[in-house]
Amino acid sequence: MSLQEGGSSYVIWTVNIDKKKSRNEGRKIPRRFAVPNVKLDELARACEALGLSYDVEQKKYPRCWWEEGGRIRVEKKLKKTELMIRLAEKIKEMRG
């Protein structure tokens, strides 16, 4: 689902919910909620499963510009931290 023009959105990078990253490297949620090796397509599918509007952007996280990753822009429906935790939980659930 694509975001509407002019709507407010959050930017969520794959590293923001990656369990293998430290807080200094960009993780934003507690490690107990985070997921290891998050892929951009998993993040997009989690948004889809939660019924959120989003746009996928193939970008490099500035602190880890040499690594693959990316970001999504997600509509603001929840607080950002709560949204990232829900996305991580959905990815865990999808991985089985």
PDB file of N, CA and C in Angstrom:
ATOM      1  N   MET A   1       0.851  -1.186   0.000  1.00  0.00           N
ATOM      2  CA  MET A   1       0.000   0.000   0.000  1.00  0.00           C
ATOM      3  C   MET A   1       0.883   1.231   0.000  1.00  0.00           C
ATOM      4  N   SER A   2       0.524   2.144  -0.797  1.00  0.00           N
ATOM      5  CA  SER A   2       1.335   3.349  -0.893  1.00  0.00           C
ATOM      6  C   SER A   2       0.777   4.457  -0.007  1.00  0.00           C
ATOM      7  N   LEU A   3       1.674   5.260   0.519  1.00  0.00           N
ATOM      8  CA  LEU A   3       1.286   6.397   1.354  1.00  0.00           C
ATOM      9  C   LEU A   3       0.625   7.473   0.514  1.00  0.00           C
ATOM     10  N   GLN A   4      -0.270   8.207   1.111  1.00  0.00           N
ATOM     11  CA  GLN A   4      -0.884   9.339   0.431  1.00  0.00           C
ATOM     12  C   GLN A   4       0.067  10.520   0.476  1.00  0.00           C
ATOM     13  N   GLU A   5       0.033  11.328  -0.574  1.00  0.00           N
ATOM     14  CA  GLU A   5       0.882  12.510  -0.626  1.00  0.00           C
ATOM     15  C   GLU A   5       0.535  13.467   0.516  1.00  0.00           C
ATOM     16  N   GLY A   6       1.546  14.024   1.127  1.00  0.00           N
ATOM     17  CA  GLY A   6       1.329  15.015   2.172  1.00  0.00           C
ATOM     18  C   GLY A   6       0.996  14.451   3.536  1.00  0.00           C
ATOM     19  N   GLY A   7       0.771  13.138   3.619  1.00  0.00           N
ATOM     20  CA  GLY A   7       0.469  12.531   4.907  1.00  0.00           C
ATOM     21  C   GLY A   7       1.725  12.413   5.751  1.00  0.00           C
ATOM     22  N   SER A   8       1.566  12.450   7.061  1.00  0.00           N
ATOM     23  CA  SER A   8       2.749  12.329   7.919  1.00  0.00           C
ATOM     24  C   SER A   8       3.129  10.864   8.053  1.00  0.00           C
ATOM     25  N   SER A   9       4.431  10.603   8.121  1.00  0.00           N
ATOM     26  CA  SER A   9       4.904   9.224   8.190  1.00  0.00           C
ATOM     27  C   SER A   9       6.172   9.127   9.028  1.00  0.00           C
ATOM     28  N   TYR A  10       6.438   7.904   9.476  1.00  0.00           N
ATOM     29  CA  TYR A  10       7.674   7.598  10.177  1.00  0.00           C
ATOM     30  C   TYR A  10       8.632   6.957   9.185  1.00  0.00           C
ATOM     31  N   VAL A  11       9.917   7.152   9.387  1.00  0.00           N
ATOM     32  CA  VAL A  11      10.933   6.433   8.628  1.00  0.00           C
ATOM     33  C   VAL A  11      11.475   5.342   9.547  1.00  0.00           C
ATOM     34  N   ILE A  12      11.398   4.105   9.097  1.00  0.00           N
ATOM     35  CA  ILE A  12      11.910   2.977   9.876  1.00  0.00           C
ATOM     36  C   ILE A  12      12.937   2.235   9.029  1.00  0.00           C
ATOM     37  N   TRP A  13      14.149   2.187   9.531  1.00  0.00           N
ATOM     38  CA  TRP A  13      15.245   1.482   8.863  1.00  0.00           C
ATOM     39  C   TRP A  13      15.268   0.035   9.340  1.00  0.00           C
ATOM     40  N   THR A  14      15.794  -0.856   8.519  1.00  0.00           N
ATOM     41  CA  THR A  14      15.909  -2.265   8.935  1.00  0.00           C
ATOM     42  C   THR A  14      16.761  -2.398  10.195  1.00  0.00           C
ATOM     43  N   VAL A  15      17.799  -1.568  10.329  1.00  0.00           N
ATOM     44  CA  VAL A  15      18.668  -1.662  11.520  1.00  0.00           C
ATOM     45  C   VAL A  15      17.951  -1.253  12.804  1.00  0.00           C
ATOM     46  N   ASN A  16      16.853  -0.500  12.694  1.00  0.00           N
ATOM     47  CA  ASN A  16      16.134  -0.048  13.886  1.00  0.00           C
ATOM     48  C   ASN A  16      15.530  -1.201  14.681  1.00  0.00           C
ATOM     49  N   ILE A  17      15.272  -2.328  14.015  1.00  0.00           N
ATOM     50  CA  ILE A  17      14.678  -3.471  14.720  1.00  0.00           C
ATOM     51  C   ILE A  17      15.558  -4.725  14.639  1.00  0.00           C
ATOM     52  N   ASP A  18      16.835  -4.550  14.278  1.00  0.00           N
ATOM     53  CA  ASP A  18      17.768  -5.668  14.129  1.00  0.00           C
ATOM     54  C   ASP A  18      18.428  -6.010  15.464  1.00  0.00           C
ATOM     55  N   LYS A  19      18.214  -7.231  15.911  1.00  0.00           N
ATOM     56  CA  LYS A  19      18.731  -7.703  17.200  1.00  0.00           C
ATOM     57  C   LYS A  19      20.258  -7.704  17.252  1.00  0.00           C
ATOM     58  N   LYS A  20      20.907  -7.870  16.116  1.00  0.00           N
ATOM     59  CA  LYS A  20      22.365  -7.956  16.084  1.00  0.00           C
ATOM     60  C   LYS A  20      23.045  -6.591  16.141  1.00  0.00           C
ATOM     61  N   LYS A  21      22.272  -5.534  16.083  1.00  0.00           N
ATOM     62  CA  LYS A  21      22.824  -4.176  16.146  1.00  0.00           C
ATOM     63  C   LYS A  21      22.746  -3.645  17.574  1.00  0.00           C
ATOM     64  N   SER A  22      23.717  -2.818  17.923  1.00  0.00           N
ATOM     65  CA  SER A  22      23.681  -2.164  19.234  1.00  0.00           C
ATOM     66  C   SER A  22      22.871  -0.879  19.106  1.00  0.00           C
ATOM     67  N   ARG A  23      22.607  -0.257  20.226  1.00  0.00           N
ATOM     68  CA  ARG A  23      21.912   1.033  20.195  1.00  0.00           C
ATOM     69  C   ARG A  23      22.745   2.060  19.417  1.00  0.00           C
ATOM     70  N   ASN A  24      24.069   2.028  19.592  1.00  0.00           N
ATOM     71  CA  ASN A  24      24.953   2.951  18.872  1.00  0.00           C
ATOM     72  C   ASN A  24      24.929   2.720  17.368  1.00  0.00           C
ATOM     73  N   GLU A  25      24.654   1.485  16.960  1.00  0.00           N
ATOM     74  CA  GLU A  25      24.606   1.155  15.532  1.00  0.00           C
ATOM     75  C   GLU A  25      23.235   1.427  14.921  1.00  0.00           C
ATOM     76  N   GLY A  26      22.258   1.799  15.742  1.00  0.00           N
ATOM     77  CA  GLY A  26      20.969   2.195  15.192  1.00  0.00           C
ATOM     78  C   GLY A  26      19.742   1.446  15.674  1.00  0.00           C
ATOM     79  N   ARG A  27      19.926   0.434  16.528  1.00  0.00           N
ATOM     80  CA  ARG A  27      18.742  -0.273  17.035  1.00  0.00           C
ATOM     81  C   ARG A  27      17.962   0.668  17.937  1.00  0.00           C
ATOM     82  N   LYS A  28      16.643   0.694  17.789  1.00  0.00           N
ATOM     83  CA  LYS A  28      15.807   1.627  18.547  1.00  0.00           C
ATOM     84  C   LYS A  28      14.909   0.951  19.574  1.00  0.00           C
ATOM     85  N   ILE A  29      14.759  -0.364  19.483  1.00  0.00           N
ATOM     86  CA  ILE A  29      13.870  -1.068  20.417  1.00  0.00           C
ATOM     87  C   ILE A  29      14.702  -2.016  21.284  1.00  0.00           C
ATOM     88  N   PRO A  30      14.170  -2.414  22.451  1.00  0.00           N
ATOM     89  CA  PRO A  30      14.910  -3.341  23.316  1.00  0.00           C
ATOM     90  C   PRO A  30      15.240  -4.642  22.585  1.00  0.00           C
ATOM     91  N   ARG A  31      16.392  -5.202  22.884  1.00  0.00           N
ATOM     92  CA  ARG A  31      16.867  -6.409  22.211  1.00  0.00           C
ATOM     93  C   ARG A  31      15.871  -7.569  22.338  1.00  0.00           C
ATOM     94  N   ARG A  32      15.141  -7.636  23.455  1.00  0.00           N
ATOM     95  CA  ARG A  32      14.194  -8.752  23.644  1.00  0.00           C
ATOM     96  C   ARG A  32      13.049  -8.722  22.628  1.00  0.00           C
ATOM     97  N   PHE A  33      12.765  -7.559  22.055  1.00  0.00           N
ATOM     98  CA  PHE A  33      11.718  -7.454  21.031  1.00  0.00           C
ATOM     99  C   PHE A  33      12.287  -7.538  19.618  1.00  0.00           C
ATOM    100  N   ALA A  34      13.572  -7.268  19.470  1.00  0.00           N
ATOM    101  CA  ALA A  34      14.187  -7.161  18.148  1.00  0.00           C
ATOM    102  C   ALA A  34      14.323  -8.520  17.459  1.00  0.00           C
ATOM    103  N   VAL A  35      14.583  -8.466  16.150  1.00  0.00           N
ATOM    104  CA  VAL A  35      14.692  -9.651  15.307  1.00  0.00           C
ATOM    105  C   VAL A  35      16.062  -9.631  14.626  1.00  0.00           C
ATOM    106  N   PRO A  36      16.767 -10.767  14.557  1.00  0.00           N
ATOM    107  CA  PRO A  36      18.073 -10.761  13.885  1.00  0.00           C
ATOM    108  C   PRO A  36      17.949 -10.714  12.358  1.00  0.00           C
ATOM    109  N   ASN A  37      18.886 -10.051  11.721  1.00  0.00           N
ATOM    110  CA  ASN A  37      19.014 -10.020  10.256  1.00  0.00           C
ATOM    111  C   ASN A  37      17.721  -9.646   9.534  1.00  0.00           C
ATOM    112  N   VAL A  38      17.181  -8.496   9.832  1.00  0.00           N
ATOM    113  CA  VAL A  38      15.933  -8.044   9.218  1.00  0.00           C
ATOM    114  C   VAL A  38      16.175  -7.662   7.762  1.00  0.00           C
ATOM    115  N   LYS A  39      15.316  -8.126   6.878  1.00  0.00           N
ATOM    116  CA  LYS A  39      15.389  -7.788   5.455  1.00  0.00           C
ATOM    117  C   LYS A  39      14.290  -6.779   5.129  1.00  0.00           C
ATOM    118  N   LEU A  40      14.529  -5.971   4.125  1.00  0.00           N
ATOM    119  CA  LEU A  40      13.577  -4.937   3.744  1.00  0.00           C
ATOM    120  C   LEU A  40      12.246  -5.530   3.297  1.00  0.00           C
ATOM    121  N   ASP A  41      12.283  -6.632   2.558  1.00  0.00           N
ATOM    122  CA  ASP A  41      11.023  -7.243   2.115  1.00  0.00           C
ATOM    123  C   ASP A  41      10.214  -7.789   3.294  1.00  0.00           C
ATOM    124  N   GLU A  42      10.890  -8.265   4.343  1.00  0.00           N
ATOM    125  CA  GLU A  42      10.183  -8.726   5.545  1.00  0.00           C
ATOM    126  C   GLU A  42       9.475  -7.555   6.224  1.00  0.00           C
ATOM    127  N   LEU A  43      10.157  -6.422   6.263  1.00  0.00           N
ATOM    128  CA  LEU A  43       9.579  -5.226   6.865  1.00  0.00           C
ATOM    129  C   LEU A  43       8.338  -4.793   6.085  1.00  0.00           C
ATOM    130  N   ALA A  44       8.423  -4.851   4.763  1.00  0.00           N
ATOM    131  CA  ALA A  44       7.283  -4.487   3.918  1.00  0.00           C
ATOM    132  C   ALA A  44       6.118  -5.458   4.117  1.00  0.00           C
ATOM    133  N   ARG A  45       6.417  -6.755   4.178  1.00  0.00           N
ATOM    134  CA  ARG A  45       5.345  -7.740   4.383  1.00  0.00           C
ATOM    135  C   ARG A  45       4.699  -7.595   5.753  1.00  0.00           C
ATOM    136  N   ALA A  46       5.492  -7.222   6.762  1.00  0.00           N
ATOM    137  CA  ALA A  46       4.946  -6.995   8.107  1.00  0.00           C
ATOM    138  C   ALA A  46       3.982  -5.805   8.081  1.00  0.00           C
ATOM    139  N   CYS A  47       4.350  -4.748   7.374  1.00  0.00           N
ATOM    140  CA  CYS A  47       3.451  -3.586   7.232  1.00  0.00           C
ATOM    141  C   CYS A  47       2.155  -4.000   6.547  1.00  0.00           C
ATOM    142  N   GLU A  48       2.299  -4.794   5.500  1.00  0.00           N
ATOM    143  CA  GLU A  48       1.136  -5.283   4.749  1.00  0.00           C
ATOM    144  C   GLU A  48       0.219  -6.093   5.672  1.00  0.00           C
ATOM    145  N   ALA A  49       0.811  -6.990   6.463  1.00  0.00           N
ATOM    146  CA  ALA A  49       0.045  -7.843   7.367  1.00  0.00           C
ATOM    147  C   ALA A  49      -0.658  -7.037   8.463  1.00  0.00           C
ATOM    148  N   LEU A  50      -0.049  -5.913   8.863  1.00  0.00           N
ATOM    149  CA  LEU A  50      -0.656  -5.064   9.891  1.00  0.00           C
ATOM    150  C   LEU A  50      -1.626  -4.042   9.290  1.00  0.00           C
ATOM    151  N   GLY A  51      -1.770  -4.059   7.972  1.00  0.00           N
ATOM    152  CA  GLY A  51      -2.714  -3.159   7.316  1.00  0.00           C
ATOM    153  C   GLY A  51      -2.277  -1.705   7.290  1.00  0.00           C
ATOM    154  N   LEU A  52      -0.975  -1.472   7.249  1.00  0.00           N
ATOM    155  CA  LEU A  52      -0.444  -0.112   7.258  1.00  0.00           C
ATOM    156  C   LEU A  52      -0.079   0.339   5.844  1.00  0.00           C
ATOM    157  N   SER A  53      -0.248   1.612   5.564  1.00  0.00           N
ATOM    158  CA  SER A  53       0.225   2.184   4.303  1.00  0.00           C
ATOM    159  C   SER A  53       1.712   2.461   4.448  1.00  0.00           C
ATOM    160  N   TYR A  54       2.484   2.139   3.416  1.00  0.00           N
ATOM    161  CA  TYR A  54       3.931   2.301   3.491  1.00  0.00           C
ATOM    162  C   TYR A  54       4.528   2.482   2.104  1.00  0.00           C
ATOM    163  N   ASP A  55       5.740   2.978   2.060  1.00  0.00           N
ATOM    164  CA  ASP A  55       6.549   3.054   0.840  1.00  0.00           C
ATOM    165  C   ASP A  55       7.917   2.471   1.164  1.00  0.00           C
ATOM    166  N   VAL A  56       8.427   1.634   0.268  1.00  0.00           N
ATOM    167  CA  VAL A  56       9.747   1.040   0.437  1.00  0.00           C
ATOM    168  C   VAL A  56      10.769   1.931  -0.263  1.00  0.00           C
ATOM    169  N   GLU A  57      11.898   2.166   0.403  1.00  0.00           N
ATOM    170  CA  GLU A  57      12.963   2.976  -0.178  1.00  0.00           C
ATOM    171  C   GLU A  57      14.293   2.230  -0.068  1.00  0.00           C
ATOM    172  N   GLN A  58      14.930   2.016  -1.193  1.00  0.00           N
ATOM    173  CA  GLN A  58      16.231   1.335  -1.240  1.00  0.00           C
ATOM    174  C   GLN A  58      17.316   2.353  -0.917  1.00  0.00           C
ATOM    175  N   LYS A  59      17.617   2.499   0.342  1.00  0.00           N
ATOM    176  CA  LYS A  59      18.628   3.452   0.804  1.00  0.00           C
ATOM    177  C   LYS A  59      19.601   2.727   1.716  1.00  0.00           C
ATOM    178  N   LYS A  60      20.733   3.350   1.963  1.00  0.00           N
ATOM    179  CA  LYS A  60      21.731   2.807   2.892  1.00  0.00           C
ATOM    180  C   LYS A  60      21.653   3.593   4.189  1.00  0.00           C
ATOM    181  N   TYR A  61      21.672   2.886   5.312  1.00  0.00           N
ATOM    182  CA  TYR A  61      21.660   3.550   6.609  1.00  0.00           C
ATOM    183  C   TYR A  61      22.988   4.287   6.772  1.00  0.00           C
ATOM    184  N   PRO A  62      22.974   5.570   7.057  1.00  0.00           N
ATOM    185  CA  PRO A  62      24.214   6.361   7.082  1.00  0.00           C
ATOM    186  C   PRO A  62      25.328   5.819   7.985  1.00  0.00           C
ATOM    187  N   ARG A  63      24.994   5.259   9.138  1.00  0.00           N
ATOM    188  CA  ARG A  63      26.036   4.749  10.035  1.00  0.00           C
ATOM    189  C   ARG A  63      26.652   3.438   9.533  1.00  0.00           C
ATOM    190  N   CYS A  64      25.927   2.729   8.683  1.00  0.00           N
ATOM    191  CA  CYS A  64      26.405   1.443   8.141  1.00  0.00           C
ATOM    192  C   CYS A  64      26.225   1.460   6.626  1.00  0.00           C
ATOM    193  N   TRP A  65      26.769   2.450   5.968  1.00  0.00           N
ATOM    194  CA  TRP A  65      26.526   2.649   4.540  1.00  0.00           C
ATOM    195  C   TRP A  65      27.009   1.507   3.670  1.00  0.00           C
ATOM    196  N   TRP A  66      27.898   0.654   4.170  1.00  0.00           N
ATOM    197  CA  TRP A  66      28.452  -0.446   3.395  1.00  0.00           C
ATOM    198  C   TRP A  66      27.559  -1.684   3.435  1.00  0.00           C
ATOM    199  N   GLU A  67      26.567  -1.710   4.317  1.00  0.00           N
ATOM    200  CA  GLU A  67      25.694  -2.879   4.465  1.00  0.00           C
ATOM    201  C   GLU A  67      24.412  -2.717   3.661  1.00  0.00           C
ATOM    202  N   GLU A  68      23.854  -3.863   3.267  1.00  0.00           N
ATOM    203  CA  GLU A  68      22.549  -3.846   2.618  1.00  0.00           C
ATOM    204  C   GLU A  68      21.495  -3.505   3.666  1.00  0.00           C
ATOM    205  N   GLY A  69      20.411  -3.007   3.247  1.00  0.00           N
ATOM    206  CA  GLY A  69      19.354  -2.644   4.184  1.00  0.00           C
ATOM    207  C   GLY A  69      18.294  -1.866   3.445  1.00  0.00           C
ATOM    208  N   GLY A  70      17.839  -0.828   4.047  1.00  0.00           N
ATOM    209  CA  GLY A  70      16.830   0.002   3.425  1.00  0.00           C
ATOM    210  C   GLY A  70      15.914   0.565   4.486  1.00  0.00           C
ATOM    211  N   ARG A  71      14.900   1.241   4.002  1.00  0.00           N
ATOM    212  CA  ARG A  71      13.962   1.839   4.944  1.00  0.00           C
ATOM    213  C   ARG A  71      12.576   1.846   4.340  1.00  0.00           C
ATOM    214  N   ILE A  72      11.604   1.994   5.225  1.00  0.00           N
ATOM    215  CA  ILE A  72      10.228   2.172   4.787  1.00  0.00           C
ATOM    216  C   ILE A  72       9.689   3.439   5.435  1.00  0.00           C
ATOM    217  N   ARG A  73       8.771   4.055   4.754  1.00  0.00           N
ATOM    218  CA  ARG A  73       8.025   5.178   5.312  1.00  0.00           C
ATOM    219  C   ARG A  73       6.641   4.622   5.626  1.00  0.00           C
ATOM    220  N   VAL A  74       6.242   4.731   6.883  1.00  0.00           N
ATOM    221  CA  VAL A  74       4.986   4.136   7.351  1.00  0.00           C
ATOM    222  C   VAL A  74       4.079   5.218   7.908  1.00  0.00           C
ATOM    223  N   GLU A  75       2.797   5.091   7.615  1.00  0.00           N
ATOM    224  CA  GLU A  75       1.838   6.064   8.146  1.00  0.00           C
ATOM    225  C   GLU A  75       1.866   6.071   9.663  1.00  0.00           C
ATOM    226  N   LYS A  76       1.609   7.218  10.245  1.00  0.00           N
ATOM    227  CA  LYS A  76       1.601   7.358  11.701  1.00  0.00           C
ATOM    228  C   LYS A  76       0.239   6.930  12.240  1.00  0.00           C
ATOM    229  N   LYS A  77       0.208   5.743  12.846  1.00  0.00           N
ATOM    230  CA  LYS A  77      -1.013   5.269  13.495  1.00  0.00           C
ATOM    231  C   LYS A  77      -0.777   5.012  14.974  1.00  0.00           C
ATOM    232  N   LEU A  78       0.468   4.690  15.311  1.00  0.00           N
ATOM    233  CA  LEU A  78       0.863   4.394  16.686  1.00  0.00           C
ATOM    234  C   LEU A  78       2.082   5.245  17.017  1.00  0.00           C
ATOM    235  N   LYS A  79       2.532   5.158  18.272  1.00  0.00           N
ATOM    236  CA  LYS A  79       3.812   5.765  18.614  1.00  0.00           C
ATOM    237  C   LYS A  79       4.891   4.980  17.878  1.00  0.00           C
ATOM    238  N   LYS A  80       5.980   5.652  17.538  1.00  0.00           N
ATOM    239  CA  LYS A  80       7.004   5.022  16.709  1.00  0.00           C
ATOM    240  C   LYS A  80       7.596   3.771  17.353  1.00  0.00           C
ATOM    241  N   THR A  81       7.922   3.822  18.630  1.00  0.00           N
ATOM    242  CA  THR A  81       8.508   2.659  19.303  1.00  0.00           C
ATOM    243  C   THR A  81       7.538   1.488  19.311  1.00  0.00           C
ATOM    244  N   GLU A  82       6.284   1.779  19.601  1.00  0.00           N
ATOM    245  CA  GLU A  82       5.261   0.731  19.615  1.00  0.00           C
ATOM    246  C   GLU A  82       5.107   0.111  18.224  1.00  0.00           C
ATOM    247  N   LEU A  83       5.150   0.943  17.194  1.00  0.00           N
ATOM    248  CA  LEU A  83       5.048   0.461  15.826  1.00  0.00           C
ATOM    249  C   LEU A  83       6.224  -0.462  15.481  1.00  0.00           C
ATOM    250  N   MET A  84       7.434  -0.072  15.863  1.00  0.00           N
ATOM    251  CA  MET A  84       8.610  -0.897  15.570  1.00  0.00           C
ATOM    252  C   MET A  84       8.539  -2.238  16.299  1.00  0.00           C
ATOM    253  N   ILE A  85       8.040  -2.233  17.532  1.00  0.00           N
ATOM    254  CA  ILE A  85       7.882  -3.490  18.279  1.00  0.00           C
ATOM    255  C   ILE A  85       6.852  -4.383  17.590  1.00  0.00           C
ATOM    256  N   ARG A  86       5.747  -3.807  17.158  1.00  0.00           N
ATOM    257  CA  ARG A  86       4.720  -4.604  16.455  1.00  0.00           C
ATOM    258  C   ARG A  86       5.253  -5.184  15.151  1.00  0.00           C
ATOM    259  N   LEU A  87       6.033  -4.389  14.422  1.00  0.00           N
ATOM    260  CA  LEU A  87       6.628  -4.879  13.178  1.00  0.00           C
ATOM    261  C   LEU A  87       7.583  -6.036  13.464  1.00  0.00           C
ATOM    262  N   ALA A  88       8.407  -5.905  14.503  1.00  0.00           N
ATOM    263  CA  ALA A  88       9.345  -6.973  14.870  1.00  0.00           C
ATOM    264  C   ALA A  88       8.588  -8.246  15.266  1.00  0.00           C
ATOM    265  N   GLU A  89       7.516  -8.088  16.038  1.00  0.00           N
ATOM    266  CA  GLU A  89       6.711  -9.253  16.436  1.00  0.00           C
ATOM    267  C   GLU A  89       6.094  -9.932  15.226  1.00  0.00           C
ATOM    268  N   LYS A  90       5.618  -9.143  14.274  1.00  0.00           N
ATOM    269  CA  LYS A  90       5.004  -9.694  13.062  1.00  0.00           C
ATOM    270  C   LYS A  90       6.044 -10.438  12.232  1.00  0.00           C
ATOM    271  N   ILE A  91       7.264  -9.910  12.156  1.00  0.00           N
ATOM    272  CA  ILE A  91       8.337 -10.593  11.414  1.00  0.00           C
ATOM    273  C   ILE A  91       8.670 -11.928  12.087  1.00  0.00           C
ATOM    274  N   LYS A  92       8.751 -11.937  13.424  1.00  0.00           N
ATOM    275  CA  LYS A  92       9.001 -13.196  14.152  1.00  0.00           C
ATOM    276  C   LYS A  92       7.907 -14.217  13.833  1.00  0.00           C
ATOM    277  N   GLU A  93       6.672 -13.743  13.850  1.00  0.00           N
ATOM    278  CA  GLU A  93       5.525 -14.621  13.570  1.00  0.00           C
ATOM    279  C   GLU A  93       5.594 -15.161  12.141  1.00  0.00           C
ATOM    280  N   MET A  94       5.968 -14.324  11.173  1.00  0.00           N
ATOM    281  CA  MET A  94       6.040 -14.751   9.780  1.00  0.00           C
ATOM    282  C   MET A  94       7.185 -15.740   9.554  1.00  0.00           C
ATOM    283  N   ARG A  95       8.252 -15.611  10.323  1.00  0.00           N
ATOM    284  CA  ARG A  95       9.377 -16.545  10.185  1.00  0.00           C
ATOM    285  C   ARG A  95       9.030 -17.916  10.754  1.00  0.00           C
ATOM    286  N   GLY A  96       8.012 -17.958  11.588  1.00  0.00           N
ATOM    287  CA  GLY A  96       7.525 -19.244  12.068  1.00  0.00           C
ATOM    288  C   GLY A  96       8.063 -19.639  13.383  1.00  0.00           C
TER     289      GLY A  96
END
